Amino acid sequence: MDALPISLLILGLLIIVLDMMVTAFITPIGVAFAVLGLLLGFGWGFAESFVVSLVAAVISYMVIGRYIKRDVQDVGKPKYTFELKGKKGKVVEVGKEHYIVELEGDKWIALSEDRLKIGDTVEVINVDGVKLIVRKV
């Protein structure tokens, strides 16, 4: 048996094991290398082996991605910007064209027609995407 198929198989298995130890999503690459090494080892041509290994990588990506999506849970409470209208916060940073406002423990980009300084209390009067429109209280 040639050294290339064995090397590809070992490389693929090492990548899969590495992915179990670190927080990377490289298992499909490991699957592709392992399948390529196996098929080359059994005498398949390179072109056919390569195509089958790519298909195996895509299938493993879909299966593992579905498993990860099902297993991961968001621990935080979702916050929607439209719920922030009427809430009060404090200016914590002043930029050239915007302000950073701390509101309910989160920092938001805010715009205001008023001249604000750090420590001012502001009220959210409107929301533009993820930017808050505020006024001084």
N, C-alpha and C. Protein backbone atom coordinates (compact mmCIF):
# COMPACT_ATOMS: atom_id res chain seq x y z
N MET A 1 0.85 -1.18 0.00
CA MET A 1 0.00 0.00 0.00
C MET A 1 0.90 1.25 0.00
N ASP A 2 0.45 2.23 -0.72
CA ASP A 2 1.17 3.49 -0.86
C ASP A 2 1.16 4.29 0.44
N ALA A 3 2.08 5.21 0.57
CA ALA A 3 2.16 6.03 1.79
C ALA A 3 1.12 7.14 1.79
N LEU A 4 0.72 7.64 0.60
CA LEU A 4 -0.24 8.75 0.53
C LEU A 4 -1.59 8.39 1.13
N PRO A 5 -2.21 7.26 0.76
CA PRO A 5 -3.52 6.95 1.37
C PRO A 5 -3.45 6.79 2.88
N ILE A 6 -2.42 6.14 3.37
CA ILE A 6 -2.28 5.97 4.82
C ILE A 6 -2.09 7.32 5.50
N SER A 7 -1.28 8.16 4.90
CA SER A 7 -1.05 9.50 5.46
C SER A 7 -2.34 10.32 5.49
N LEU A 8 -3.13 10.25 4.42
CA LEU A 8 -4.39 10.99 4.38
C LEU A 8 -5.38 10.47 5.42
N LEU A 9 -5.43 9.15 5.56
CA LEU A 9 -6.31 8.55 6.56
C LEU A 9 -5.91 8.97 7.97
N ILE A 10 -4.63 8.90 8.26
CA ILE A 10 -4.14 9.30 9.59
C ILE A 10 -4.38 10.80 9.83
N LEU A 11 -4.11 11.61 8.80
CA LEU A 11 -4.34 13.06 8.92
C LEU A 11 -5.82 13.34 9.20
N GLY A 12 -6.71 12.67 8.49
CA GLY A 12 -8.14 12.85 8.70
C GLY A 12 -8.56 12.49 10.11
N LEU A 13 -8.06 11.36 10.60
CA LEU A 13 -8.40 10.94 11.96
C LEU A 13 -7.84 11.89 13.01
N LEU A 14 -6.63 12.39 12.76
CA LEU A 14 -6.03 13.37 13.69
C LEU A 14 -6.83 14.66 13.73
N ILE A 15 -7.33 15.10 12.58
CA ILE A 15 -8.14 16.32 12.53
C ILE A 15 -9.43 16.12 13.31
N ILE A 16 -10.06 14.95 13.16
CA ILE A 16 -11.30 14.67 13.89
C ILE A 16 -11.03 14.67 15.40
N VAL A 17 -9.95 14.05 15.83
CA VAL A 17 -9.60 14.02 17.25
C VAL A 17 -9.29 15.43 17.75
N LEU A 18 -8.56 16.21 16.94
CA LEU A 18 -8.24 17.59 17.32
C LEU A 18 -9.51 18.41 17.50
N ASP A 19 -10.49 18.19 16.63
CA ASP A 19 -11.74 18.94 16.73
C ASP A 19 -12.49 18.60 18.02
N MET A 20 -12.27 17.42 18.55
CA MET A 20 -12.91 17.06 19.82
C MET A 20 -12.27 17.79 21.00
N MET A 21 -11.02 18.23 20.84
CA MET A 21 -10.30 18.87 21.94
C MET A 21 -10.36 20.39 21.90
N VAL A 22 -10.59 20.97 20.75
CA VAL A 22 -10.64 22.43 20.63
C VAL A 22 -12.02 22.84 20.14
N THR A 23 -12.31 24.11 20.22
CA THR A 23 -13.62 24.60 19.80
C THR A 23 -13.57 25.09 18.37
N ALA A 24 -13.23 24.21 17.47
CA ALA A 24 -13.23 24.52 16.04
C ALA A 24 -14.22 23.58 15.37
N PHE A 25 -14.65 23.93 14.20
CA PHE A 25 -15.59 23.08 13.48
C PHE A 25 -14.89 22.55 12.23
N ILE A 26 -13.93 21.64 12.45
CA ILE A 26 -13.13 21.12 11.34
C ILE A 26 -13.34 19.64 11.11
N THR A 27 -14.30 19.03 11.77
CA THR A 27 -14.57 17.60 11.59
C THR A 27 -14.87 17.25 10.14
N PRO A 28 -15.67 18.03 9.39
CA PRO A 28 -15.90 17.67 7.99
C PRO A 28 -14.61 17.60 7.16
N ILE A 29 -13.64 18.42 7.49
CA ILE A 29 -12.35 18.36 6.78
C ILE A 29 -11.67 17.04 7.11
N GLY A 30 -11.71 16.65 8.37
CA GLY A 30 -11.13 15.37 8.77
C GLY A 30 -11.83 14.20 8.11
N VAL A 31 -13.15 14.28 8.00
CA VAL A 31 -13.90 13.23 7.32
C VAL A 31 -13.49 13.15 5.86
N ALA A 32 -13.34 14.30 5.21
CA ALA A 32 -12.93 14.31 3.80
C ALA A 32 -11.56 13.65 3.62
N PHE A 33 -10.59 14.00 4.46
CA PHE A 33 -9.26 13.39 4.35
C PHE A 33 -9.31 11.89 4.63
N ALA A 34 -10.06 11.48 5.64
CA ALA A 34 -10.14 10.06 5.98
C ALA A 34 -10.78 9.26 4.85
N VAL A 35 -11.87 9.76 4.29
CA VAL A 35 -12.54 9.06 3.19
C VAL A 35 -11.63 9.03 1.96
N LEU A 36 -10.97 10.13 1.67
CA LEU A 36 -10.04 10.17 0.53
C LEU A 36 -8.93 9.14 0.71
N GLY A 37 -8.37 9.08 1.91
CA GLY A 37 -7.31 8.10 2.17
C GLY A 37 -7.80 6.67 2.05
N LEU A 38 -9.00 6.40 2.58
CA LEU A 38 -9.56 5.05 2.48
C LEU A 38 -9.81 4.64 1.03
N LEU A 39 -10.44 5.52 0.27
CA LEU A 39 -10.77 5.18 -1.11
C LEU A 39 -9.52 5.02 -1.97
N LEU A 40 -8.53 5.88 -1.76
CA LEU A 40 -7.26 5.72 -2.49
C LEU A 40 -6.58 4.42 -2.10
N GLY A 41 -6.69 4.05 -0.84
CA GLY A 41 -6.11 2.81 -0.35
C GLY A 41 -6.76 1.57 -0.95
N PHE A 42 -8.05 1.67 -1.28
CA PHE A 42 -8.75 0.54 -1.89
C PHE A 42 -8.64 0.55 -3.41
N GLY A 43 -7.83 1.45 -3.96
CA GLY A 43 -7.55 1.42 -5.39
C GLY A 43 -8.43 2.29 -6.25
N TRP A 44 -9.25 3.13 -5.67
CA TRP A 44 -10.06 4.04 -6.46
C TRP A 44 -9.15 5.08 -7.11
N GLY A 45 -9.60 5.67 -8.20
CA GLY A 45 -8.87 6.76 -8.84
C GLY A 45 -8.98 8.03 -8.01
N PHE A 46 -8.05 8.94 -8.22
CA PHE A 46 -8.04 10.16 -7.40
C PHE A 46 -9.28 11.00 -7.62
N ALA A 47 -9.70 11.18 -8.88
CA ALA A 47 -10.85 12.05 -9.18
C ALA A 47 -12.12 11.53 -8.50
N GLU A 48 -12.38 10.23 -8.62
CA GLU A 48 -13.57 9.66 -8.00
C GLU A 48 -13.48 9.75 -6.48
N SER A 49 -12.32 9.46 -5.93
CA SER A 49 -12.12 9.52 -4.48
C SER A 49 -12.33 10.94 -3.96
N PHE A 50 -11.83 11.89 -4.72
CA PHE A 50 -11.94 13.29 -4.32
C PHE A 50 -13.40 13.73 -4.28
N VAL A 51 -14.17 13.37 -5.31
CA VAL A 51 -15.58 13.75 -5.36
C VAL A 51 -16.36 13.09 -4.22
N VAL A 52 -16.12 11.81 -3.99
CA VAL A 52 -16.82 11.10 -2.91
C VAL A 52 -16.44 11.69 -1.56
N SER A 53 -15.18 12.06 -1.37
CA SER A 53 -14.76 12.64 -0.09
C SER A 53 -15.39 14.02 0.13
N LEU A 54 -15.57 14.79 -0.94
CA LEU A 54 -16.25 16.08 -0.80
C LEU A 54 -17.72 15.88 -0.41
N VAL A 55 -18.36 14.88 -1.03
CA VAL A 55 -19.75 14.59 -0.68
C VAL A 55 -19.83 14.15 0.78
N ALA A 56 -18.90 13.32 1.22
CA ALA A 56 -18.87 12.88 2.62
C ALA A 56 -18.67 14.07 3.55
N ALA A 57 -17.83 15.02 3.16
CA ALA A 57 -17.60 16.20 3.99
C ALA A 57 -18.86 17.04 4.11
N VAL A 58 -19.59 17.22 3.01
CA VAL A 58 -20.82 18.01 3.04
C VAL A 58 -21.87 17.32 3.90
N ILE A 59 -21.99 16.01 3.76
CA ILE A 59 -22.97 15.27 4.57
C ILE A 59 -22.60 15.36 6.05
N SER A 60 -21.32 15.20 6.38
CA SER A 60 -20.92 15.30 7.79
C SER A 60 -21.13 16.72 8.32
N TYR A 61 -20.91 17.72 7.48
CA TYR A 61 -21.16 19.11 7.88
C TYR A 61 -22.63 19.30 8.24
N MET A 62 -23.53 18.77 7.41
CA MET A 62 -24.96 18.93 7.67
C MET A 62 -25.39 18.17 8.91
N VAL A 63 -24.90 16.94 9.09
CA VAL A 63 -25.28 16.13 10.25
C VAL A 63 -24.74 16.74 11.54
N ILE A 64 -23.47 17.10 11.55
CA ILE A 64 -22.86 17.66 12.75
C ILE A 64 -23.43 19.05 13.06
N GLY A 65 -23.67 19.84 12.02
CA GLY A 65 -24.27 21.16 12.22
C GLY A 65 -25.65 21.07 12.83
N ARG A 66 -26.43 20.10 12.39
CA ARG A 66 -27.76 19.89 12.95
C ARG A 66 -27.67 19.46 14.42
N TYR A 67 -26.70 18.61 14.73
CA TYR A 67 -26.50 18.14 16.10
C TYR A 67 -26.08 19.31 17.00
N ILE A 68 -25.15 20.13 16.52
CA ILE A 68 -24.67 21.27 17.32
C ILE A 68 -25.80 22.27 17.54
N LYS A 69 -26.57 22.56 16.51
CA LYS A 69 -27.66 23.53 16.64
C LYS A 69 -28.70 23.05 17.65
N ARG A 70 -28.96 21.75 17.68
CA ARG A 70 -29.95 21.19 18.60
C ARG A 70 -29.42 21.19 20.03
N ASP A 71 -28.12 21.02 20.19
CA ASP A 71 -27.52 20.85 21.51
C ASP A 71 -27.22 22.17 22.21
N VAL A 72 -27.02 23.25 21.45
CA VAL A 72 -26.62 24.53 22.03
C VAL A 72 -27.86 25.31 22.45
N GLN A 73 -27.83 25.83 23.67
CA GLN A 73 -28.94 26.63 24.18
C GLN A 73 -28.44 28.01 24.55
N ASP A 74 -29.27 29.00 24.30
CA ASP A 74 -28.95 30.36 24.68
C ASP A 74 -29.32 30.54 26.15
N VAL A 75 -28.34 30.96 26.96
CA VAL A 75 -28.60 31.10 28.39
C VAL A 75 -29.18 32.47 28.74
N GLY A 76 -29.07 33.40 27.82
CA GLY A 76 -29.56 34.74 28.11
C GLY A 76 -30.99 34.94 27.69
N LYS A 77 -31.60 35.98 28.24
CA LYS A 77 -32.95 36.34 27.85
C LYS A 77 -32.86 37.19 26.59
N PRO A 78 -33.60 36.87 25.54
CA PRO A 78 -33.50 37.67 24.33
C PRO A 78 -34.02 39.09 24.57
N LYS A 79 -33.35 40.06 23.99
CA LYS A 79 -33.74 41.45 24.12
C LYS A 79 -34.10 41.98 22.76
N TYR A 80 -35.21 42.63 22.65
CA TYR A 80 -35.62 43.20 21.39
C TYR A 80 -35.57 44.72 21.52
N THR A 81 -35.07 45.36 20.48
CA THR A 81 -34.87 46.81 20.57
C THR A 81 -36.18 47.56 20.74
N PHE A 82 -37.28 47.05 20.19
CA PHE A 82 -38.54 47.78 20.33
C PHE A 82 -39.04 47.79 21.76
N GLU A 83 -38.54 46.88 22.61
CA GLU A 83 -38.93 46.87 24.02
C GLU A 83 -38.20 47.96 24.82
N LEU A 84 -37.20 48.59 24.23
CA LEU A 84 -36.39 49.57 24.96
C LEU A 84 -36.99 50.98 24.94
N LYS A 85 -37.99 51.21 24.11
CA LYS A 85 -38.60 52.53 24.01
C LYS A 85 -39.17 52.94 25.37
N GLY A 86 -38.79 54.14 25.82
CA GLY A 86 -39.27 54.65 27.10
C GLY A 86 -38.37 54.31 28.28
N LYS A 87 -37.38 53.44 28.08
CA LYS A 87 -36.46 53.06 29.17
C LYS A 87 -35.40 54.14 29.35
N LYS A 88 -34.85 54.17 30.57
CA LYS A 88 -33.83 55.17 30.89
C LYS A 88 -32.48 54.49 31.07
N GLY A 89 -31.42 55.19 30.67
CA GLY A 89 -30.07 54.69 30.81
C GLY A 89 -29.10 55.83 31.05
N LYS A 90 -27.81 55.50 31.10
CA LYS A 90 -26.77 56.50 31.36
C LYS A 90 -25.78 56.51 30.22
N VAL A 91 -25.28 57.69 29.88
CA VAL A 91 -24.23 57.84 28.88
C VAL A 91 -22.91 57.42 29.51
N VAL A 92 -22.21 56.47 28.89
CA VAL A 92 -20.94 56.00 29.44
C VAL A 92 -19.76 56.38 28.56
N GLU A 93 -20.04 56.78 27.31
CA GLU A 93 -18.95 57.17 26.41
C GLU A 93 -19.49 58.15 25.38
N VAL A 94 -18.66 59.12 25.02
CA VAL A 94 -19.05 60.11 24.03
C VAL A 94 -18.14 59.96 22.83
N GLY A 95 -18.74 59.72 21.66
CA GLY A 95 -17.99 59.62 20.41
C GLY A 95 -18.18 60.88 19.59
N LYS A 96 -17.61 60.90 18.38
CA LYS A 96 -17.75 62.07 17.52
C LYS A 96 -19.17 62.24 17.00
N GLU A 97 -19.78 61.13 16.58
CA GLU A 97 -21.11 61.22 15.99
C GLU A 97 -22.17 60.45 16.78
N HIS A 98 -21.76 59.76 17.83
CA HIS A 98 -22.73 58.95 18.59
C HIS A 98 -22.29 58.86 20.05
N TYR A 99 -23.14 58.25 20.83
CA TYR A 99 -22.88 58.04 22.24
C TYR A 99 -23.00 56.54 22.53
N ILE A 100 -22.36 56.10 23.61
CA ILE A 100 -22.57 54.74 24.11
C ILE A 100 -23.38 54.89 25.39
N VAL A 101 -24.54 54.23 25.40
CA VAL A 101 -25.46 54.32 26.52
C VAL A 101 -25.59 52.95 27.16
N GLU A 102 -25.48 52.92 28.50
CA GLU A 102 -25.70 51.67 29.22
C GLU A 102 -27.16 51.64 29.66
N LEU A 103 -27.81 50.55 29.25
CA LEU A 103 -29.24 50.42 29.49
C LEU A 103 -29.53 48.98 29.87
N GLU A 104 -30.02 48.77 31.08
CA GLU A 104 -30.33 47.44 31.60
C GLU A 104 -29.13 46.50 31.53
N GLY A 105 -27.95 47.02 31.79
CA GLY A 105 -26.74 46.20 31.82
C GLY A 105 -26.08 45.99 30.47
N ASP A 106 -26.68 46.47 29.39
CA ASP A 106 -26.10 46.33 28.06
C ASP A 106 -25.70 47.70 27.53
N LYS A 107 -24.68 47.70 26.67
CA LYS A 107 -24.24 48.96 26.07
C LYS A 107 -24.77 49.04 24.64
N TRP A 108 -25.31 50.21 24.31
CA TRP A 108 -25.92 50.44 23.01
C TRP A 108 -25.33 51.70 22.38
N ILE A 109 -25.33 51.73 21.05
CA ILE A 109 -24.97 52.95 20.33
C ILE A 109 -26.22 53.82 20.31
N ALA A 110 -26.04 55.09 20.64
CA ALA A 110 -27.19 55.99 20.71
C ALA A 110 -26.89 57.28 19.95
N LEU A 111 -27.95 57.83 19.39
CA LEU A 111 -27.88 59.13 18.71
C LEU A 111 -28.80 60.09 19.46
N SER A 112 -28.42 61.36 19.47
CA SER A 112 -29.25 62.35 20.16
C SER A 112 -29.05 63.72 19.53
N GLU A 113 -30.13 64.50 19.52
CA GLU A 113 -30.01 65.89 19.08
C GLU A 113 -29.49 66.76 20.21
N ASP A 114 -29.63 66.27 21.45
CA ASP A 114 -29.12 67.00 22.62
C ASP A 114 -27.61 66.82 22.69
N ARG A 115 -26.96 67.77 23.33
CA ARG A 115 -25.52 67.65 23.62
C ARG A 115 -25.41 66.89 24.93
N LEU A 116 -24.82 65.70 24.91
CA LEU A 116 -24.74 64.87 26.11
C LEU A 116 -23.31 64.75 26.58
N LYS A 117 -23.17 64.45 27.87
CA LYS A 117 -21.84 64.18 28.42
C LYS A 117 -21.93 62.91 29.26
N ILE A 118 -20.77 62.37 29.61
CA ILE A 118 -20.72 61.12 30.38
C ILE A 118 -21.45 61.32 31.71
N GLY A 119 -22.30 60.37 32.05
CA GLY A 119 -23.05 60.41 33.30
C GLY A 119 -24.47 60.93 33.15
N ASP A 120 -24.78 61.56 32.00
CA ASP A 120 -26.14 62.07 31.78
C ASP A 120 -27.14 60.91 31.72
N THR A 121 -28.31 61.15 32.28
CA THR A 121 -29.39 60.18 32.18
C THR A 121 -30.19 60.49 30.93
N VAL A 122 -30.47 59.46 30.14
CA VAL A 122 -31.20 59.64 28.89
C VAL A 122 -32.38 58.68 28.84
N GLU A 123 -33.36 59.03 28.00
CA GLU A 123 -34.53 58.18 27.78
C GLU A 123 -34.58 57.82 26.30
N VAL A 124 -34.91 56.57 26.03
CA VAL A 124 -35.02 56.12 24.64
C VAL A 124 -36.35 56.60 24.10
N ILE A 125 -36.29 57.39 23.01
CA ILE A 125 -37.53 57.90 22.41
C ILE A 125 -37.88 57.15 21.11
N ASN A 126 -36.87 56.51 20.53
CA ASN A 126 -37.10 55.74 19.31
C ASN A 126 -35.95 54.78 19.09
N VAL A 127 -36.12 53.86 18.16
CA VAL A 127 -35.09 52.89 17.83
C VAL A 127 -34.93 52.86 16.32
N ASP A 128 -33.67 52.91 15.86
CA ASP A 128 -33.36 52.82 14.44
C ASP A 128 -32.46 51.62 14.23
N GLY A 129 -33.04 50.46 13.96
CA GLY A 129 -32.26 49.22 13.84
C GLY A 129 -31.74 48.81 15.20
N VAL A 130 -30.42 48.88 15.36
CA VAL A 130 -29.82 48.58 16.66
C VAL A 130 -29.29 49.85 17.33
N LYS A 131 -29.60 51.00 16.76
CA LYS A 131 -29.20 52.27 17.36
C LYS A 131 -30.40 52.87 18.08
N LEU A 132 -30.10 53.42 19.25
CA LEU A 132 -31.15 54.05 20.03
C LEU A 132 -31.16 55.56 19.76
N ILE A 133 -32.34 56.13 19.66
CA ILE A 133 -32.49 57.58 19.58
C ILE A 133 -32.92 58.01 20.98
N VAL A 134 -32.10 58.86 21.59
CA VAL A 134 -32.33 59.22 22.99
C VAL A 134 -32.44 60.73 23.15
N ARG A 135 -32.98 61.12 24.32
CA ARG A 135 -33.01 62.53 24.70
C ARG A 135 -32.62 62.62 26.18
N LYS A 136 -32.06 63.76 26.55
CA LYS A 136 -31.65 63.97 27.92
C LYS A 136 -32.87 64.12 28.82
N VAL A 137 -32.78 63.49 30.00
CA VAL A 137 -33.90 63.57 30.95
C VAL A 137 -33.62 64.68 31.93
